[in-house]
Amino acid sequence: MLSTTIGVNVRMNRLELGWSQERLAFASGLCVRTISAVECGTANPTSDVIESLAWALGVPVSRLVG
């Protein structure tokens, strides 16, 4: 499923930066619960959320959805 793929990719990129979920939440302007739900694959993130995460992580959107 796409939401699972996005979650795995967000977590992988976050850990590569050495960031906590709290740090990513602060950088992206999202709440920690949203970050957790995306990473667990229980959320179906909107395009705005995906773009915010990609921007905060410094990666293209394609790296999160592909």
PDB file of N, CA and C in Angstrom:
ATOM      1  N   MET A   1       0.836  -1.181   0.000  1.00  0.00           N
ATOM      2  CA  MET A   1       0.000   0.000   0.000  1.00  0.00           C
ATOM      3  C   MET A   1       0.879   1.241   0.000  1.00  0.00           C
ATOM      4  N   LEU A   2       0.378   2.285  -0.610  1.00  0.00           N
ATOM      5  CA  LEU A   2       1.141   3.531  -0.718  1.00  0.00           C
ATOM      6  C   LEU A   2       1.412   4.148   0.653  1.00  0.00           C
ATOM      7  N   SER A   3       0.425   4.103   1.559  1.00  0.00           N
ATOM      8  CA  SER A   3       0.630   4.711   2.874  1.00  0.00           C
ATOM      9  C   SER A   3       1.739   3.999   3.645  1.00  0.00           C
ATOM     10  N   THR A   4       1.862   2.691   3.478  1.00  0.00           N
ATOM     11  CA  THR A   4       2.940   1.941   4.129  1.00  0.00           C
ATOM     12  C   THR A   4       4.283   2.321   3.532  1.00  0.00           C
ATOM     13  N   THR A   5       4.342   2.441   2.208  1.00  0.00           N
ATOM     14  CA  THR A   5       5.577   2.834   1.530  1.00  0.00           C
ATOM     15  C   THR A   5       6.023   4.214   1.981  1.00  0.00           C
ATOM     16  N   ILE A   6       5.097   5.142   2.037  1.00  0.00           N
ATOM     17  CA  ILE A   6       5.426   6.498   2.470  1.00  0.00           C
ATOM     18  C   ILE A   6       5.950   6.472   3.903  1.00  0.00           C
ATOM     19  N   GLY A   7       5.285   5.731   4.768  1.00  0.00           N
ATOM     20  CA  GLY A   7       5.704   5.653   6.162  1.00  0.00           C
ATOM     21  C   GLY A   7       7.108   5.113   6.326  1.00  0.00           C
ATOM     22  N   VAL A   8       7.418   4.046   5.611  1.00  0.00           N
ATOM     23  CA  VAL A   8       8.760   3.462   5.676  1.00  0.00           C
ATOM     24  C   VAL A   8       9.794   4.456   5.162  1.00  0.00           C
ATOM     25  N   ASN A   9       9.478   5.136   4.073  1.00  0.00           N
ATOM     26  CA  ASN A   9      10.417   6.090   3.485  1.00  0.00           C
ATOM     27  C   ASN A   9      10.619   7.317   4.379  1.00  0.00           C
ATOM     28  N   VAL A  10       9.559   7.789   5.006  1.00  0.00           N
ATOM     29  CA  VAL A  10       9.690   8.921   5.932  1.00  0.00           C
ATOM     30  C   VAL A  10      10.589   8.515   7.096  1.00  0.00           C
ATOM     31  N   ARG A  11      10.323   7.357   7.665  1.00  0.00           N
ATOM     32  CA  ARG A  11      11.125   6.900   8.814  1.00  0.00           C
ATOM     33  C   ARG A  11      12.594   6.731   8.424  1.00  0.00           C
ATOM     34  N   MET A  12      12.849   6.106   7.282  1.00  0.00           N
ATOM     35  CA  MET A  12      14.215   5.886   6.828  1.00  0.00           C
ATOM     36  C   MET A  12      14.952   7.222   6.659  1.00  0.00           C
ATOM     37  N   ASN A  13      14.312   8.179   6.000  1.00  0.00           N
ATOM     38  CA  ASN A  13      14.943   9.484   5.786  1.00  0.00           C
ATOM     39  C   ASN A  13      15.122  10.237   7.093  1.00  0.00           C
ATOM     40  N   ARG A  14      14.176  10.122   7.997  1.00  0.00           N
ATOM     41  CA  ARG A  14      14.282  10.781   9.303  1.00  0.00           C
ATOM     42  C   ARG A  14      15.461  10.214  10.082  1.00  0.00           C
ATOM     43  N   LEU A  15      15.584   8.892  10.087  1.00  0.00           N
ATOM     44  CA  LEU A  15      16.675   8.261  10.828  1.00  0.00           C
ATOM     45  C   LEU A  15      18.035   8.553  10.200  1.00  0.00           C
ATOM     46  N   GLU A  16      18.074   8.687   8.870  1.00  0.00           N
ATOM     47  CA  GLU A  16      19.331   9.048   8.205  1.00  0.00           C
ATOM     48  C   GLU A  16      19.836  10.414   8.691  1.00  0.00           C
ATOM     49  N   LEU A  17      18.905  11.301   9.023  1.00  0.00           N
ATOM     50  CA  LEU A  17      19.269  12.616   9.543  1.00  0.00           C
ATOM     51  C   LEU A  17      19.561  12.582  11.042  1.00  0.00           C
ATOM     52  N   GLY A  18      19.235  11.458  11.677  1.00  0.00           N
ATOM     53  CA  GLY A  18      19.421  11.351  13.120  1.00  0.00           C
ATOM     54  C   GLY A  18      18.373  12.119  13.901  1.00  0.00           C
ATOM     55  N   TRP A  19      17.212  12.320  13.300  1.00  0.00           N
ATOM     56  CA  TRP A  19      16.147  13.109  13.904  1.00  0.00           C
ATOM     57  C   TRP A  19      15.149  12.229  14.644  1.00  0.00           C
ATOM     58  N   SER A  20      14.596  12.778  15.709  1.00  0.00           N
ATOM     59  CA  SER A  20      13.469  12.159  16.399  1.00  0.00           C
ATOM     60  C   SER A  20      12.190  12.548  15.659  1.00  0.00           C
ATOM     61  N   GLN A  21      11.110  11.890  16.028  1.00  0.00           N
ATOM     62  CA  GLN A  21       9.816  12.286  15.461  1.00  0.00           C
ATOM     63  C   GLN A  21       9.470  13.706  15.879  1.00  0.00           C
ATOM     64  N   GLU A  22       9.865  14.083  17.063  1.00  0.00           N
ATOM     65  CA  GLU A  22       9.600  15.438  17.549  1.00  0.00           C
ATOM     66  C   GLU A  22      10.327  16.477  16.701  1.00  0.00           C
ATOM     67  N   ARG A  23      11.565  16.181  16.341  1.00  0.00           N
ATOM     68  CA  ARG A  23      12.351  17.109  15.502  1.00  0.00           C
ATOM     69  C   ARG A  23      11.712  17.255  14.129  1.00  0.00           C
ATOM     70  N   LEU A  24      11.275  16.144  13.553  1.00  0.00           N
ATOM     71  CA  LEU A  24      10.618  16.198  12.247  1.00  0.00           C
ATOM     72  C   LEU A  24       9.296  16.951  12.343  1.00  0.00           C
ATOM     73  N   ALA A  25       8.570  16.741  13.413  1.00  0.00           N
ATOM     74  CA  ALA A  25       7.307  17.462  13.597  1.00  0.00           C
ATOM     75  C   ALA A  25       7.559  18.963  13.628  1.00  0.00           C
ATOM     76  N   PHE A  26       8.566  19.382  14.376  1.00  0.00           N
ATOM     77  CA  PHE A  26       8.890  20.805  14.460  1.00  0.00           C
ATOM     78  C   PHE A  26       9.289  21.356  13.092  1.00  0.00           C
ATOM     79  N   ALA A  27      10.139  20.629  12.379  1.00  0.00           N
ATOM     80  CA  ALA A  27      10.641  21.099  11.078  1.00  0.00           C
ATOM     81  C   ALA A  27       9.547  21.147  10.019  1.00  0.00           C
ATOM     82  N   SER A  28       8.578  20.249  10.113  1.00  0.00           N
ATOM     83  CA  SER A  28       7.531  20.164   9.087  1.00  0.00           C
ATOM     84  C   SER A  28       6.273  20.950   9.443  1.00  0.00           C
ATOM     85  N   GLY A  29       6.160  21.370  10.699  1.00  0.00           N
ATOM     86  CA  GLY A  29       4.950  22.068  11.128  1.00  0.00           C
ATOM     87  C   GLY A  29       3.784  21.139  11.383  1.00  0.00           C
ATOM     88  N   LEU A  30       4.067  19.854  11.525  1.00  0.00           N
ATOM     89  CA  LEU A  30       3.033  18.858  11.797  1.00  0.00           C
ATOM     90  C   LEU A  30       3.144  18.419  13.251  1.00  0.00           C
ATOM     91  N   CYS A  31       2.119  17.739  13.754  1.00  0.00           N
ATOM     92  CA  CYS A  31       2.194  17.259  15.131  1.00  0.00           C
ATOM     93  C   CYS A  31       2.845  15.873  15.167  1.00  0.00           C
ATOM     94  N   VAL A  32       3.354  15.523  16.323  1.00  0.00           N
ATOM     95  CA  VAL A  32       4.046  14.247  16.494  1.00  0.00           C
ATOM     96  C   VAL A  32       3.104  13.079  16.206  1.00  0.00           C
ATOM     97  N   ARG A  33       1.849  13.211  16.571  1.00  0.00           N
ATOM     98  CA  ARG A  33       0.883  12.126  16.298  1.00  0.00           C
ATOM     99  C   ARG A  33       0.737  11.883  14.802  1.00  0.00           C
ATOM    100  N   THR A  34       0.783  12.950  14.015  1.00  0.00           N
ATOM    101  CA  THR A  34       0.699  12.792  12.567  1.00  0.00           C
ATOM    102  C   THR A  34       1.927  12.064  12.037  1.00  0.00           C
ATOM    103  N   ILE A  35       3.111  12.465  12.515  1.00  0.00           N
ATOM    104  CA  ILE A  35       4.349  11.813  12.091  1.00  0.00           C
ATOM    105  C   ILE A  35       4.293  10.332  12.433  1.00  0.00           C
ATOM    106  N   SER A  36       3.882  10.014  13.640  1.00  0.00           N
ATOM    107  CA  SER A  36       3.798   8.627  14.082  1.00  0.00           C
ATOM    108  C   SER A  36       2.814   7.832  13.227  1.00  0.00           C
ATOM    109  N   ALA A  37       1.652   8.403  12.973  1.00  0.00           N
ATOM    110  CA  ALA A  37       0.637   7.709  12.170  1.00  0.00           C
ATOM    111  C   ALA A  37       1.115   7.484  10.744  1.00  0.00           C
ATOM    112  N   VAL A  38       1.817   8.457  10.175  1.00  0.00           N
ATOM    113  CA  VAL A  38       2.352   8.297   8.817  1.00  0.00           C
ATOM    114  C   VAL A  38       3.388   7.182   8.813  1.00  0.00           C
ATOM    115  N   GLU A  39       4.312   7.209   9.766  1.00  0.00           N
ATOM    116  CA  GLU A  39       5.367   6.200   9.806  1.00  0.00           C
ATOM    117  C   GLU A  39       4.828   4.796  10.059  1.00  0.00           C
ATOM    118  N   CYS A  40       3.761   4.684  10.840  1.00  0.00           N
ATOM    119  CA  CYS A  40       3.162   3.374  11.120  1.00  0.00           C
ATOM    120  C   CYS A  40       2.276   2.889   9.977  1.00  0.00           C
ATOM    121  N   GLY A  41       1.987   3.775   9.036  1.00  0.00           N
ATOM    122  CA  GLY A  41       1.130   3.402   7.913  1.00  0.00           C
ATOM    123  C   GLY A  41      -0.345   3.410   8.244  1.00  0.00           C
ATOM    124  N   THR A  42      -0.712   3.999   9.388  1.00  0.00           N
ATOM    125  CA  THR A  42      -2.128   4.047   9.770  1.00  0.00           C
ATOM    126  C   THR A  42      -2.817   5.297   9.269  1.00  0.00           C
ATOM    127  N   ALA A  43      -2.037   6.248   8.764  1.00  0.00           N
ATOM    128  CA  ALA A  43      -2.602   7.478   8.212  1.00  0.00           C
ATOM    129  C   ALA A  43      -2.507   7.426   6.695  1.00  0.00           C
ATOM    130  N   ASN A  44      -3.448   8.061   6.048  1.00  0.00           N
ATOM    131  CA  ASN A  44      -3.415   8.217   4.606  1.00  0.00           C
ATOM    132  C   ASN A  44      -3.086   9.694   4.362  1.00  0.00           C
ATOM    133  N   PRO A  45      -1.785  10.039   4.318  1.00  0.00           N
ATOM    134  CA  PRO A  45      -1.402  11.449   4.281  1.00  0.00           C
ATOM    135  C   PRO A  45      -1.847  12.160   3.007  1.00  0.00           C
ATOM    136  N   THR A  46      -2.258  13.396   3.169  1.00  0.00           N
ATOM    137  CA  THR A  46      -2.638  14.219   2.028  1.00  0.00           C
ATOM    138  C   THR A  46      -1.375  14.663   1.292  1.00  0.00           C
ATOM    139  N   SER A  47      -1.570  15.214   0.120  1.00  0.00           N
ATOM    140  CA  SER A  47      -0.420  15.704  -0.648  1.00  0.00           C
ATOM    141  C   SER A  47       0.279  16.832   0.099  1.00  0.00           C
ATOM    142  N   ASP A  48      -0.477  17.653   0.832  1.00  0.00           N
ATOM    143  CA  ASP A  48       0.128  18.732   1.618  1.00  0.00           C
ATOM    144  C   ASP A  48       1.039  18.185   2.718  1.00  0.00           C
ATOM    145  N   VAL A  49       0.610  17.125   3.375  1.00  0.00           N
ATOM    146  CA  VAL A  49       1.418  16.506   4.426  1.00  0.00           C
ATOM    147  C   VAL A  49       2.679  15.907   3.820  1.00  0.00           C
ATOM    148  N   ILE A  50       2.544  15.217   2.708  1.00  0.00           N
ATOM    149  CA  ILE A  50       3.703  14.611   2.045  1.00  0.00           C
ATOM    150  C   ILE A  50       4.692  15.694   1.618  1.00  0.00           C
ATOM    151  N   GLU A  51       4.193  16.776   1.067  1.00  0.00           N
ATOM    152  CA  GLU A  51       5.070  17.882   0.655  1.00  0.00           C
ATOM    153  C   GLU A  51       5.767  18.516   1.855  1.00  0.00           C
ATOM    154  N   SER A  52       5.064  18.676   2.962  1.00  0.00           N
ATOM    155  CA  SER A  52       5.668  19.238   4.173  1.00  0.00           C
ATOM    156  C   SER A  52       6.778  18.339   4.698  1.00  0.00           C
ATOM    157  N   LEU A  53       6.532  17.047   4.684  1.00  0.00           N
ATOM    158  CA  LEU A  53       7.541  16.093   5.150  1.00  0.00           C
ATOM    159  C   LEU A  53       8.755  16.085   4.228  1.00  0.00           C
ATOM    160  N   ALA A  54       8.515  16.082   2.933  1.00  0.00           N
ATOM    161  CA  ALA A  54       9.621  16.080   1.975  1.00  0.00           C
ATOM    162  C   ALA A  54      10.459  17.343   2.127  1.00  0.00           C
ATOM    163  N   TRP A  55       9.809  18.490   2.253  1.00  0.00           N
ATOM    164  CA  TRP A  55      10.528  19.756   2.419  1.00  0.00           C
ATOM    165  C   TRP A  55      11.373  19.732   3.685  1.00  0.00           C
ATOM    166  N   ALA A  56      10.765  19.284   4.797  1.00  0.00           N
ATOM    167  CA  ALA A  56      11.477  19.251   6.073  1.00  0.00           C
ATOM    168  C   ALA A  56      12.669  18.297   6.028  1.00  0.00           C
ATOM    169  N   LEU A  57      12.508  17.187   5.332  1.00  0.00           N
ATOM    170  CA  LEU A  57      13.576  16.192   5.238  1.00  0.00           C
ATOM    171  C   LEU A  57      14.622  16.557   4.175  1.00  0.00           C
ATOM    172  N   GLY A  58      14.293  17.524   3.332  1.00  0.00           N
ATOM    173  CA  GLY A  58      15.221  17.946   2.291  1.00  0.00           C
ATOM    174  C   GLY A  58      15.329  16.958   1.144  1.00  0.00           C
ATOM    175  N   VAL A  59      14.217  16.284   0.858  1.00  0.00           N
ATOM    176  CA  VAL A  59      14.213  15.309  -0.233  1.00  0.00           C
ATOM    177  C   VAL A  59      13.055  15.610  -1.177  1.00  0.00           C
ATOM    178  N   PRO A  60      13.129  15.134  -2.417  1.00  0.00           N
ATOM    179  CA  PRO A  60      11.991  15.313  -3.319  1.00  0.00           C
ATOM    180  C   PRO A  60      10.827  14.417  -2.900  1.00  0.00           C
ATOM    181  N   VAL A  61       9.627  14.821  -3.225  1.00  0.00           N
ATOM    182  CA  VAL A  61       8.438  14.028  -2.903  1.00  0.00           C
ATOM    183  C   VAL A  61       8.572  12.615  -3.457  1.00  0.00           C
ATOM    184  N   SER A  62       9.157  12.483  -4.622  1.00  0.00           N
ATOM    185  CA  SER A  62       9.299  11.165  -5.242  1.00  0.00           C
ATOM    186  C   SER A  62      10.081  10.187  -4.377  1.00  0.00           C
ATOM    187  N   ARG A  63      10.945  10.704  -3.520  1.00  0.00           N
ATOM    188  CA  ARG A  63      11.726   9.819  -2.636  1.00  0.00           C
ATOM    189  C   ARG A  63      10.851   9.250  -1.519  1.00  0.00           C
ATOM    190  N   LEU A  64       9.766   9.934  -1.205  1.00  0.00           N
ATOM    191  CA  LEU A  64       8.867   9.431  -0.165  1.00  0.00           C
ATOM    192  C   LEU A  64       7.788   8.519  -0.712  1.00  0.00           C
ATOM    193  N   VAL A  65       7.340   8.773  -1.924  1.00  0.00           N
ATOM    194  CA  VAL A  65       6.231   7.979  -2.469  1.00  0.00           C
ATOM    195  C   VAL A  65       6.698   6.820  -3.350  1.00  0.00           C
ATOM    196  N   GLY A  66       7.964   6.815  -3.723  1.00  0.00           N
ATOM    197  CA  GLY A  66       8.441   5.791  -4.646  1.00  0.00           C
ATOM    198  C   GLY A  66       9.179   4.675  -4.039  1.00  0.00           C
TER     199      GLY A  66
END
